[in-house]
Amino acid sequence: MDISRKLGIGIVMIVPAVVGSGALWAIFHHAVPILIWVAIMLGILGGIVSGKLLRD
């Protein structure tokens, strides 16, 4: 997978990270679930960028 596609996926993943963080804040009013959510999203992005989650 070329670098431009990886960067595009990273940019697109910002949307669920922000929306999910806002939803978690509305439910819990605490930062810990948000940090866990962001860590999950970073893990998924890391897997995509390293090539472990997407194969061409």
Protein backbone atom coordinates (compact mmCIF):
# COMPACT_ATOMS: atom_id res chain seq x y z
CA MET A 1 0.00 0.00 0.00
CA ASP A 2 1.44 3.37 -0.91
CA ILE A 3 2.09 6.14 1.60
CA SER A 4 -0.64 8.44 0.26
CA ARG A 5 -3.30 5.81 0.92
CA LYS A 6 -1.98 5.22 4.44
CA LEU A 7 -2.07 8.96 5.14
CA GLY A 8 -5.60 9.17 3.75
CA ILE A 9 -6.75 6.36 6.01
CA GLY A 10 -5.16 8.15 8.96
CA ILE A 11 -6.96 11.38 8.14
CA VAL A 12 -10.29 9.60 7.70
CA MET A 13 -9.84 7.84 11.06
CA ILE A 14 -9.82 11.23 12.78
CA VAL A 15 -13.62 11.40 12.32
CA PRO A 16 -14.56 8.30 14.37
CA ALA A 17 -11.94 9.22 16.96
CA VAL A 18 -13.45 12.68 17.51
CA VAL A 19 -17.08 11.54 17.33
CA GLY A 20 -16.44 8.55 19.58
CA SER A 21 -14.60 10.72 22.08
CA GLY A 22 -17.47 13.19 22.19
CA ALA A 23 -19.99 10.41 22.69
CA LEU A 24 -17.93 8.87 25.48
CA TRP A 25 -17.58 12.26 27.17
CA ALA A 26 -21.36 12.77 27.00
CA ILE A 27 -21.93 9.39 28.62
CA PHE A 28 -19.17 9.20 31.25
CA HIS A 29 -17.93 12.80 31.85
CA HIS A 30 -14.47 11.41 32.53
CA ALA A 31 -11.23 11.32 30.53
CA VAL A 32 -10.26 7.68 31.07
CA PRO A 33 -12.74 6.16 28.57
CA ILE A 34 -11.67 8.77 26.02
CA LEU A 35 -8.01 7.85 26.44
CA ILE A 36 -8.88 4.17 26.05
CA TRP A 37 -10.87 4.94 22.88
CA VAL A 38 -8.02 6.99 21.40
CA ALA A 39 -5.56 4.20 22.24
CA ILE A 40 -7.79 1.69 20.44
CA MET A 41 -8.01 3.94 17.39
CA LEU A 42 -4.23 4.45 17.39
CA GLY A 43 -3.75 0.70 17.60
CA ILE A 44 -5.99 0.14 14.60
CA LEU A 45 -4.21 2.86 12.65
CA GLY A 46 -0.84 1.40 13.60
CA GLY A 47 -1.97 -2.00 12.35
CA ILE A 48 -3.09 -0.51 9.07
CA VAL A 49 0.08 1.51 8.56
CA SER A 50 2.32 -1.43 9.40
CA GLY A 51 0.38 -3.61 6.95
CA LYS A 52 -0.95 -6.13 9.47
CA LEU A 53 -4.64 -5.24 9.02
CA LEU A 54 -4.89 -4.47 5.31
CA ARG A 55 -3.41 -6.54 2.54
CA ASP A 56 -3.21 -5.51 -1.11
